[in-house]
Amino acid sequence: MVTAIVLIKAETNRIPDLADKIADMAGVSEVFSVAGRYDLVAIVRVAKNEDLADVISDKMRLQKGIVETETMIAFRAFSRQELEAGFELGLD
């Protein structure tokens, strides 16, 4: 599984509609409306790196209202929730 975090600057009047459209895309697990330099943060989870291009470059970037994006690809996930779930299953 490959995870990418996409930081999105958007036209202010399009943020709610844009967030809904992005959240409905295959491969997008979550979209957050945030304060700060960016307006939205999308979490993309796909099977392989090549699938990132399908979601981010081919679909997401074509959405009207996106002004700028920055994509970060995650190397590792450090999540207490995932670690605790693994221990409950008896995983080391």
C-alpha atoms as a PDB file:
ATOM      1  CA  MET A   1       0.000   0.000   0.000  1.00  0.00           C
ATOM      2  CA  VAL A   2       1.294   3.434  -0.983  1.00  0.00           C
ATOM      3  CA  THR A   3       0.092   6.494   0.907  1.00  0.00           C
ATOM      4  CA  ALA A   4       0.334  10.084  -0.276  1.00  0.00           C
ATOM      5  CA  ILE A   5      -0.724  13.273   1.439  1.00  0.00           C
ATOM      6  CA  VAL A   6      -1.914  15.953  -0.975  1.00  0.00           C
ATOM      7  CA  LEU A   7      -1.965  19.551   0.251  1.00  0.00           C
ATOM      8  CA  ILE A   8      -4.424  21.621  -1.765  1.00  0.00           C
ATOM      9  CA  LYS A   9      -4.884  25.371  -2.178  1.00  0.00           C
ATOM     10  CA  ALA A  10      -8.332  26.075  -3.593  1.00  0.00           C
ATOM     11  CA  GLU A  11     -10.587  28.906  -4.655  1.00  0.00           C
ATOM     12  CA  THR A  12     -12.420  29.794  -1.459  1.00  0.00           C
ATOM     13  CA  ASN A  13     -15.930  29.588  -2.903  1.00  0.00           C
ATOM     14  CA  ARG A  14     -15.277  26.085  -4.270  1.00  0.00           C
ATOM     15  CA  ILE A  15     -13.803  24.423  -1.171  1.00  0.00           C
ATOM     16  CA  PRO A  16     -16.887  22.469   0.031  1.00  0.00           C
ATOM     17  CA  ASP A  17     -17.815  21.177  -3.439  1.00  0.00           C
ATOM     18  CA  LEU A  18     -14.198  20.387  -4.259  1.00  0.00           C
ATOM     19  CA  ALA A  19     -13.760  18.477  -0.989  1.00  0.00           C
ATOM     20  CA  ASP A  20     -16.834  16.346  -1.776  1.00  0.00           C
ATOM     21  CA  LYS A  21     -15.625  15.583  -5.310  1.00  0.00           C
ATOM     22  CA  ILE A  22     -12.145  14.621  -4.146  1.00  0.00           C
ATOM     23  CA  ALA A  23     -13.512  12.478  -1.306  1.00  0.00           C
ATOM     24  CA  ASP A  24     -15.576  10.499  -3.840  1.00  0.00           C
ATOM     25  CA  MET A  25     -12.528   9.596  -5.956  1.00  0.00           C
ATOM     26  CA  ALA A  26     -11.309   6.011  -5.921  1.00  0.00           C
ATOM     27  CA  GLY A  27      -8.095   5.846  -3.916  1.00  0.00           C
ATOM     28  CA  VAL A  28      -8.893   8.852  -1.724  1.00  0.00           C
ATOM     29  CA  SER A  29      -9.514   7.690   1.833  1.00  0.00           C
ATOM     30  CA  GLU A  30     -10.029  11.033   3.566  1.00  0.00           C
ATOM     31  CA  VAL A  31     -10.262  14.751   2.867  1.00  0.00           C
ATOM     32  CA  PHE A  32      -9.838  17.374   5.571  1.00  0.00           C
ATOM     33  CA  SER A  33     -10.695  21.059   5.476  1.00  0.00           C
ATOM     34  CA  VAL A  34      -7.835  22.751   7.317  1.00  0.00           C
ATOM     35  CA  ALA A  35      -6.590  26.140   8.470  1.00  0.00           C
ATOM     36  CA  GLY A  36      -3.230  27.511   7.401  1.00  0.00           C
ATOM     37  CA  ARG A  37      -1.417  27.759   4.073  1.00  0.00           C
ATOM     38  CA  TYR A  38      -3.592  25.081   2.500  1.00  0.00           C
ATOM     39  CA  ASP A  39      -7.362  24.682   2.337  1.00  0.00           C
ATOM     40  CA  LEU A  40      -7.706  20.911   1.997  1.00  0.00           C
ATOM     41  CA  VAL A  41      -5.612  17.857   2.781  1.00  0.00           C
ATOM     42  CA  ALA A  42      -6.383  14.621   0.933  1.00  0.00           C
ATOM     43  CA  ILE A  43      -5.071  11.221   1.997  1.00  0.00           C
ATOM     44  CA  VAL A  44      -4.567   8.901  -0.968  1.00  0.00           C
ATOM     45  CA  ARG A  45      -4.007   5.169  -0.457  1.00  0.00           C
ATOM     46  CA  VAL A  46      -3.355   2.985  -3.490  1.00  0.00           C
ATOM     47  CA  ALA A  47      -1.755  -0.365  -4.274  1.00  0.00           C
ATOM     48  CA  LYS A  48       1.304   0.904  -6.147  1.00  0.00           C
ATOM     49  CA  ASN A  49       3.137   4.111  -7.053  1.00  0.00           C
ATOM     50  CA  GLU A  50       1.814   4.132 -10.594  1.00  0.00           C
ATOM     51  CA  ASP A  51      -1.732   4.361  -9.213  1.00  0.00           C
ATOM     52  CA  LEU A  52      -0.851   7.694  -7.625  1.00  0.00           C
ATOM     53  CA  ALA A  53      -0.574   9.203 -11.093  1.00  0.00           C
ATOM     54  CA  ASP A  54      -4.073   7.962 -11.951  1.00  0.00           C
ATOM     55  CA  VAL A  55      -5.608   9.537  -8.856  1.00  0.00           C
ATOM     56  CA  ILE A  56      -3.566  12.699  -8.393  1.00  0.00           C
ATOM     57  CA  SER A  57      -2.271  13.678 -11.839  1.00  0.00           C
ATOM     58  CA  ASP A  58      -5.046  12.330 -14.041  1.00  0.00           C
ATOM     59  CA  LYS A  59      -8.131  13.009 -11.893  1.00  0.00           C
ATOM     60  CA  MET A  60      -7.520  15.292  -8.937  1.00  0.00           C
ATOM     61  CA  ARG A  61      -5.552  17.998 -10.728  1.00  0.00           C
ATOM     62  CA  LEU A  62      -8.333  18.413 -13.309  1.00  0.00           C
ATOM     63  CA  GLN A  63     -10.869  19.518 -10.700  1.00  0.00           C
ATOM     64  CA  LYS A  64     -12.021  23.113 -11.123  1.00  0.00           C
ATOM     65  CA  GLY A  65     -11.115  25.257  -8.163  1.00  0.00           C
ATOM     66  CA  ILE A  66      -7.703  23.783  -7.397  1.00  0.00           C
ATOM     67  CA  VAL A  67      -5.110  26.561  -7.436  1.00  0.00           C
ATOM     68  CA  GLU A  68      -2.026  24.626  -6.290  1.00  0.00           C
ATOM     69  CA  THR A  69      -1.089  21.240  -4.835  1.00  0.00           C
ATOM     70  CA  GLU A  70       1.856  19.718  -3.051  1.00  0.00           C
ATOM     71  CA  THR A  71       2.142  15.940  -2.766  1.00  0.00           C
ATOM     72  CA  MET A  72       4.103  14.081  -0.120  1.00  0.00           C
ATOM     73  CA  ILE A  73       4.630  10.331  -0.414  1.00  0.00           C
ATOM     74  CA  ALA A  74       4.810   8.499   2.903  1.00  0.00           C
ATOM     75  CA  PHE A  75       7.740   6.161   3.527  1.00  0.00           C
ATOM     76  CA  ARG A  76       6.389   4.609   6.728  1.00  0.00           C
ATOM     77  CA  ALA A  77       3.293   4.921   8.873  1.00  0.00           C
ATOM     78  CA  PHE A  78       3.647   5.356  12.613  1.00  0.00           C
ATOM     79  CA  SER A  79       0.183   5.008  14.079  1.00  0.00           C
ATOM     80  CA  ARG A  80      -0.620   4.000  17.635  1.00  0.00           C
ATOM     81  CA  GLN A  81      -4.021   2.788  16.421  1.00  0.00           C
ATOM     82  CA  GLU A  82      -2.464   0.458  13.832  1.00  0.00           C
ATOM     83  CA  LEU A  83       0.151  -0.810  16.298  1.00  0.00           C
ATOM     84  CA  GLU A  84      -2.490  -1.553  18.931  1.00  0.00           C
ATOM     85  CA  ALA A  85      -4.661  -3.337  16.360  1.00  0.00           C
ATOM     86  CA  GLY A  86      -1.676  -5.513  15.432  1.00  0.00           C
ATOM     87  CA  PHE A  87      -1.048  -6.465  19.057  1.00  0.00           C
ATOM     88  CA  GLU A  88      -4.728  -7.381  19.491  1.00  0.00           C
ATOM     89  CA  LEU A  89      -4.365  -9.779  16.571  1.00  0.00           C
ATOM     90  CA  GLY A  90      -1.245 -11.302  18.108  1.00  0.00           C
ATOM     91  CA  LEU A  91       1.161  -9.807  15.554  1.00  0.00           C
ATOM     92  CA  ASP A  92       4.742  -8.948  16.540  1.00  0.00           C
END
